[in-house]
Amino acid sequence: MIEVRPRALEGVLEILPRKLGDDRGFFSETWNAESFGNAGINLQFVQDNHSLSVNKGVLRGLHYQLPPRAQDKLVRVIRGAILDVVVDIRKSSPTFRQWLSLEVSAARWNQILVPKGFAHGFVTLEDNTEVVYKVTDYYSAAHDRSLRFDDAAIGVDWQVDVSKVQLSDKDRSAPLLEQADIFV
């Protein structure tokens, strides 16, 4: 059983799986094809990814893959917390260039579904944050792309001092939206 909450950008969903607990701990189905399908989410995931960010203030993103290797992502946090950000990069979309953020955390036990056509990133809000996510296509270096996290044309409010975030070289040198390969 899951609760699905549509977010402001079409296709982006917050998902709250049921969590059953007792004095031993808890049990939760974080993915069940049948119950997700009953909620209108019919995806076939092919790869699971897991990241650990040791420090608060690690920023990863904004990442996406181009068609035909575009990916839907189901993102959750198993330890710590993140501010998760998605940006609509579909030129033909009425919400092109718009973004939204959602706190995803182990404490809230929520997930975010990021559909194809959106760039995705997050900044860690706690030390030792672990993020796991499922994707609907395999990683492809030839289709892998990034956008600048601080592109003024997008205007993401990361809710942290971005001059102090930890970035990879790839993310630091990512192109602005205006120069990026994006969805049509």
C-alpha atoms as a PDB file:
ATOM      1  CA  MET A   1       0.000   0.000   0.000  1.00  0.00           C
ATOM      2  CA  ILE A   2       1.327   3.417  -0.947  1.00  0.00           C
ATOM      3  CA  GLU A   3       0.164   7.000  -0.813  1.00  0.00           C
ATOM      4  CA  VAL A   4       0.886   9.015  -3.972  1.00  0.00           C
ATOM      5  CA  ARG A   5       1.023  12.812  -3.906  1.00  0.00           C
ATOM      6  CA  PRO A   6       1.289  14.625  -7.251  1.00  0.00           C
ATOM      7  CA  ARG A   7       3.688  17.574  -7.167  1.00  0.00           C
ATOM      8  CA  ALA A   8       3.499  20.878  -9.060  1.00  0.00           C
ATOM      9  CA  LEU A   9       5.259  19.585 -12.211  1.00  0.00           C
ATOM     10  CA  GLU A  10       3.315  16.991 -14.187  1.00  0.00           C
ATOM     11  CA  GLY A  11       4.604  13.468 -13.650  1.00  0.00           C
ATOM     12  CA  VAL A  12       6.671  14.262 -10.559  1.00  0.00           C
ATOM     13  CA  LEU A  13       5.245  12.339  -7.612  1.00  0.00           C
ATOM     14  CA  GLU A  14       5.950  12.070  -3.913  1.00  0.00           C
ATOM     15  CA  ILE A  15       5.382   8.509  -2.759  1.00  0.00           C
ATOM     16  CA  LEU A  16       4.897   7.423   0.838  1.00  0.00           C
ATOM     17  CA  PRO A  17       5.164   3.656   1.293  1.00  0.00           C
ATOM     18  CA  ARG A  18       3.399   2.119   4.272  1.00  0.00           C
ATOM     19  CA  LYS A  19       5.780   1.360   7.132  1.00  0.00           C
ATOM     20  CA  LEU A  20       4.770  -1.309   9.659  1.00  0.00           C
ATOM     21  CA  GLY A  21       6.628  -1.224  12.949  1.00  0.00           C
ATOM     22  CA  ASP A  22       6.759  -2.997  16.263  1.00  0.00           C
ATOM     23  CA  ASP A  23       9.272  -3.522  19.063  1.00  0.00           C
ATOM     24  CA  ARG A  24      11.576  -5.429  16.656  1.00  0.00           C
ATOM     25  CA  GLY A  25      11.804  -2.576  14.124  1.00  0.00           C
ATOM     26  CA  PHE A  26       9.850  -2.070  10.907  1.00  0.00           C
ATOM     27  CA  PHE A  27       8.964  -3.534   7.511  1.00  0.00           C
ATOM     28  CA  SER A  28       8.122  -1.601   4.359  1.00  0.00           C
ATOM     29  CA  GLU A  29       7.565  -2.418   0.692  1.00  0.00           C
ATOM     30  CA  THR A  30       9.367   0.440  -1.026  1.00  0.00           C
ATOM     31  CA  TRP A  31       8.651  -0.988  -4.494  1.00  0.00           C
ATOM     32  CA  ASN A  32       5.888  -3.364  -5.499  1.00  0.00           C
ATOM     33  CA  ALA A  33       5.018  -3.435  -9.207  1.00  0.00           C
ATOM     34  CA  GLU A  34       1.402  -4.408  -8.548  1.00  0.00           C
ATOM     35  CA  SER A  35       0.592  -1.756  -5.929  1.00  0.00           C
ATOM     36  CA  PHE A  36       2.467   0.946  -7.863  1.00  0.00           C
ATOM     37  CA  GLY A  37       0.633  -0.178 -11.034  1.00  0.00           C
ATOM     38  CA  ASN A  38      -2.695   0.126  -9.196  1.00  0.00           C
ATOM     39  CA  ALA A  39      -1.661   3.737  -8.467  1.00  0.00           C
ATOM     40  CA  GLY A  40      -0.987   4.343 -12.189  1.00  0.00           C
ATOM     41  CA  ILE A  41       2.811   3.948 -11.981  1.00  0.00           C
ATOM     42  CA  ASN A  42       3.763   1.292 -14.515  1.00  0.00           C
ATOM     43  CA  LEU A  43       7.535   1.258 -14.790  1.00  0.00           C
ATOM     44  CA  GLN A  44      10.107  -1.453 -15.301  1.00  0.00           C
ATOM     45  CA  PHE A  45      13.253  -0.718 -13.340  1.00  0.00           C
ATOM     46  CA  VAL A  46      16.504  -2.250 -14.561  1.00  0.00           C
ATOM     47  CA  GLN A  47      19.176  -0.853 -12.260  1.00  0.00           C
ATOM     48  CA  ASP A  48      19.507   0.189  -8.613  1.00  0.00           C
ATOM     49  CA  ASN A  49      22.024   2.862  -7.563  1.00  0.00           C
ATOM     50  CA  HIS A  50      23.286   3.711  -4.079  1.00  0.00           C
ATOM     51  CA  SER A  51      25.306   6.754  -3.044  1.00  0.00           C
ATOM     52  CA  LEU A  52      26.858   7.824   0.243  1.00  0.00           C
ATOM     53  CA  SER A  53      27.668  11.475   0.864  1.00  0.00           C
ATOM     54  CA  VAL A  54      29.877  11.729   3.930  1.00  0.00           C
ATOM     55  CA  ASN A  55      29.333  15.443   4.523  1.00  0.00           C
ATOM     56  CA  LYS A  56      26.353  17.724   4.794  1.00  0.00           C
ATOM     57  CA  GLY A  57      26.400  20.079   1.802  1.00  0.00           C
ATOM     58  CA  VAL A  58      27.367  17.623  -0.927  1.00  0.00           C
ATOM     59  CA  LEU A  59      25.559  18.658  -4.107  1.00  0.00           C
ATOM     60  CA  ARG A  60      25.060  16.071  -6.853  1.00  0.00           C
ATOM     61  CA  GLY A  61      23.453  17.214 -10.084  1.00  0.00           C
ATOM     62  CA  LEU A  62      21.734  18.271 -12.108  1.00  0.00           C
ATOM     63  CA  HIS A  63      21.921  14.988 -14.097  1.00  0.00           C
ATOM     64  CA  TYR A  64      19.911  13.273 -16.840  1.00  0.00           C
ATOM     65  CA  GLN A  65      20.266  10.958 -19.828  1.00  0.00           C
ATOM     66  CA  LEU A  66      19.121  11.806 -23.327  1.00  0.00           C
ATOM     67  CA  PRO A  67      16.781   9.596 -25.383  1.00  0.00           C
ATOM     68  CA  PRO A  68      16.802   6.846 -26.304  1.00  0.00           C
ATOM     69  CA  ARG A  69      18.479   6.088 -22.948  1.00  0.00           C
ATOM     70  CA  ALA A  70      16.426   8.517 -20.816  1.00  0.00           C
ATOM     71  CA  GLN A  71      15.623   7.298 -17.309  1.00  0.00           C
ATOM     72  CA  ASP A  72      12.719   7.518 -14.899  1.00  0.00           C
ATOM     73  CA  LYS A  73      14.085   7.527 -11.327  1.00  0.00           C
ATOM     74  CA  LEU A  74      12.524   6.462  -8.037  1.00  0.00           C
ATOM     75  CA  VAL A  75      14.637   8.101  -5.322  1.00  0.00           C
ATOM     76  CA  ARG A  76      14.634   7.460  -1.578  1.00  0.00           C
ATOM     77  CA  VAL A  77      16.915   8.105   1.385  1.00  0.00           C
ATOM     78  CA  ILE A  78      17.809   5.279   3.744  1.00  0.00           C
ATOM     79  CA  ARG A  79      19.959   7.387   6.105  1.00  0.00           C
ATOM     80  CA  GLY A  80      19.984  11.164   6.518  1.00  0.00           C
ATOM     81  CA  ALA A  81      18.155  13.729   4.397  1.00  0.00           C
ATOM     82  CA  ILE A  82      18.388  15.554   1.076  1.00  0.00           C
ATOM     83  CA  LEU A  83      16.773  18.453  -0.675  1.00  0.00           C
ATOM     84  CA  ASP A  84      15.863  16.794  -3.954  1.00  0.00           C
ATOM     85  CA  VAL A  85      15.506  19.039  -7.025  1.00  0.00           C
ATOM     86  CA  VAL A  86      13.956  18.321 -10.426  1.00  0.00           C
ATOM     87  CA  VAL A  87      14.006  20.644 -13.445  1.00  0.00           C
ATOM     88  CA  ASP A  88      11.741  20.272 -16.487  1.00  0.00           C
ATOM     89  CA  ILE A  89      14.094  20.221 -19.509  1.00  0.00           C
ATOM     90  CA  ARG A  90      11.483  19.337 -22.160  1.00  0.00           C
ATOM     91  CA  LYS A  91      11.480  22.300 -24.580  1.00  0.00           C
ATOM     92  CA  SER A  92       7.926  21.514 -25.714  1.00  0.00           C
ATOM     93  CA  SER A  93       6.552  21.411 -22.154  1.00  0.00           C
ATOM     94  CA  PRO A  94       4.456  24.279 -20.752  1.00  0.00           C
ATOM     95  CA  THR A  95       6.589  23.989 -17.592  1.00  0.00           C
ATOM     96  CA  PHE A  96       9.950  24.017 -19.416  1.00  0.00           C
ATOM     97  CA  ARG A  97      12.727  25.403 -17.179  1.00  0.00           C
ATOM     98  CA  GLN A  98      10.543  25.214 -14.056  1.00  0.00           C
ATOM     99  CA  TRP A  99      11.830  23.352 -11.030  1.00  0.00           C
ATOM    100  CA  LEU A 100      10.617  22.035  -7.727  1.00  0.00           C
ATOM    101  CA  SER A 101      12.264  20.737  -4.598  1.00  0.00           C
ATOM    102  CA  LEU A 102      11.216  18.234  -1.982  1.00  0.00           C
ATOM    103  CA  GLU A 103      12.890  17.140   1.224  1.00  0.00           C
ATOM    104  CA  VAL A 104      13.368  13.389   1.056  1.00  0.00           C
ATOM    105  CA  SER A 105      14.596  11.714   4.218  1.00  0.00           C
ATOM    106  CA  ALA A 106      14.868   8.478   6.123  1.00  0.00           C
ATOM    107  CA  ALA A 107      12.745  10.055   8.881  1.00  0.00           C
ATOM    108  CA  ARG A 108       9.914  11.033   6.505  1.00  0.00           C
ATOM    109  CA  TRP A 109      10.181   7.661   4.670  1.00  0.00           C
ATOM    110  CA  ASN A 110       9.114   9.307   1.439  1.00  0.00           C
ATOM    111  CA  GLN A 111      10.283   8.845  -2.134  1.00  0.00           C
ATOM    112  CA  ILE A 112      10.214  10.993  -5.250  1.00  0.00           C
ATOM    113  CA  LEU A 113       9.472   9.764  -8.754  1.00  0.00           C
ATOM    114  CA  VAL A 114      11.430  11.758 -11.336  1.00  0.00           C
ATOM    115  CA  PRO A 115      10.127  11.130 -14.873  1.00  0.00           C
ATOM    116  CA  LYS A 116      12.086  11.175 -18.106  1.00  0.00           C
ATOM    117  CA  GLY A 117      12.589  14.711 -19.376  1.00  0.00           C
ATOM    118  CA  PHE A 118      13.671  16.110 -16.020  1.00  0.00           C
ATOM    119  CA  ALA A 119      17.155  16.904 -14.771  1.00  0.00           C
ATOM    120  CA  HIS A 120      17.686  15.668 -11.233  1.00  0.00           C
ATOM    121  CA  GLY A 121      19.966  16.580  -8.364  1.00  0.00           C
ATOM    122  CA  PHE A 122      20.150  16.851  -4.615  1.00  0.00           C
ATOM    123  CA  VAL A 123      22.070  18.450  -1.791  1.00  0.00           C
ATOM    124  CA  THR A 124      22.642  16.565   1.449  1.00  0.00           C
ATOM    125  CA  LEU A 125      21.147  18.097   4.586  1.00  0.00           C
ATOM    126  CA  GLU A 126      22.917  15.760   7.024  1.00  0.00           C
ATOM    127  CA  ASP A 127      26.278  14.027   7.273  1.00  0.00           C
ATOM    128  CA  ASN A 128      26.481  10.383   6.129  1.00  0.00           C
ATOM    129  CA  THR A 129      23.415  10.545   3.923  1.00  0.00           C
ATOM    130  CA  GLU A 130      22.682   7.466   1.826  1.00  0.00           C
ATOM    131  CA  VAL A 131      20.478   7.717  -1.259  1.00  0.00           C
ATOM    132  CA  VAL A 132      19.187   4.740  -3.217  1.00  0.00           C
ATOM    133  CA  TYR A 133      17.331   4.977  -6.474  1.00  0.00           C
ATOM    134  CA  LYS A 134      15.941   2.776  -9.189  1.00  0.00           C
ATOM    135  CA  VAL A 135      16.163   3.680 -12.884  1.00  0.00           C
ATOM    136  CA  THR A 136      14.300   2.443 -15.957  1.00  0.00           C
ATOM    137  CA  ASP A 137      17.335   2.321 -18.268  1.00  0.00           C
ATOM    138  CA  TYR A 138      20.972   1.465 -17.796  1.00  0.00           C
ATOM    139  CA  TYR A 139      23.649   4.095 -17.378  1.00  0.00           C
ATOM    140  CA  SER A 140      24.997   5.202 -20.760  1.00  0.00           C
ATOM    141  CA  ALA A 141      28.061   7.455 -20.852  1.00  0.00           C
ATOM    142  CA  ALA A 142      27.183   8.471 -24.423  1.00  0.00           C
ATOM    143  CA  HIS A 143      23.780   9.803 -23.276  1.00  0.00           C
ATOM    144  CA  ASP A 144      24.785  11.127 -19.845  1.00  0.00           C
ATOM    145  CA  ARG A 145      24.405  14.902 -19.445  1.00  0.00           C
ATOM    146  CA  SER A 146      24.517  17.546 -16.697  1.00  0.00           C
ATOM    147  CA  LEU A 147      23.308  21.093 -16.156  1.00  0.00           C
ATOM    148  CA  ARG A 148      24.869  23.780 -13.978  1.00  0.00           C
ATOM    149  CA  PHE A 149      23.330  23.613 -10.533  1.00  0.00           C
ATOM    150  CA  ASP A 150      23.465  27.431 -10.250  1.00  0.00           C
ATOM    151  CA  ASP A 151      22.181  28.410 -13.717  1.00  0.00           C
ATOM    152  CA  ALA A 152      20.425  31.777 -13.239  1.00  0.00           C
ATOM    153  CA  ALA A 153      18.034  30.956 -16.100  1.00  0.00           C
ATOM    154  CA  ILE A 154      16.632  28.158 -13.922  1.00  0.00           C
ATOM    155  CA  GLY A 155      17.073  29.807 -10.510  1.00  0.00           C
ATOM    156  CA  VAL A 156      17.004  26.804  -8.179  1.00  0.00           C
ATOM    157  CA  ASP A 157      16.908  27.732  -4.490  1.00  0.00           C
ATOM    158  CA  TRP A 158      19.033  24.983  -2.962  1.00  0.00           C
ATOM    159  CA  GLN A 159      18.266  26.344   0.542  1.00  0.00           C
ATOM    160  CA  VAL A 160      21.998  26.185   1.406  1.00  0.00           C
ATOM    161  CA  ASP A 161      24.971  28.452   0.791  1.00  0.00           C
ATOM    162  CA  VAL A 162      25.984  27.204  -2.669  1.00  0.00           C
ATOM    163  CA  SER A 163      29.442  28.776  -2.330  1.00  0.00           C
ATOM    164  CA  LYS A 164      30.182  26.140   0.318  1.00  0.00           C
ATOM    165  CA  VAL A 165      28.776  22.985  -1.311  1.00  0.00           C
ATOM    166  CA  GLN A 166      31.004  20.077  -2.314  1.00  0.00           C
ATOM    167  CA  LEU A 167      30.827  19.367  -6.057  1.00  0.00           C
ATOM    168  CA  SER A 168      32.395  16.916  -8.458  1.00  0.00           C
ATOM    169  CA  ASP A 169      34.483  18.348 -11.295  1.00  0.00           C
ATOM    170  CA  LYS A 170      31.772  17.165 -13.697  1.00  0.00           C
ATOM    171  CA  ASP A 171      29.077  19.154 -11.880  1.00  0.00           C
ATOM    172  CA  ARG A 172      31.273  22.231 -11.447  1.00  0.00           C
ATOM    173  CA  SER A 173      31.932  22.386 -15.208  1.00  0.00           C
ATOM    174  CA  ALA A 174      28.433  21.422 -16.422  1.00  0.00           C
ATOM    175  CA  PRO A 175      26.936  23.671 -19.120  1.00  0.00           C
ATOM    176  CA  LEU A 176      24.165  26.187 -18.632  1.00  0.00           C
ATOM    177  CA  LEU A 177      20.722  25.178 -19.883  1.00  0.00           C
ATOM    178  CA  GLU A 178      21.148  27.468 -22.897  1.00  0.00           C
ATOM    179  CA  GLN A 179      24.162  25.433 -24.110  1.00  0.00           C
ATOM    180  CA  ALA A 180      23.003  21.970 -23.010  1.00  0.00           C
ATOM    181  CA  ASP A 181      21.660  19.072 -25.031  1.00  0.00           C
ATOM    182  CA  ILE A 182      18.092  18.689 -23.771  1.00  0.00           C
ATOM    183  CA  PHE A 183      14.777  17.077 -24.648  1.00  0.00           C
ATOM    184  CA  VAL A 184      12.676  18.504 -27.506  1.00  0.00           C
END
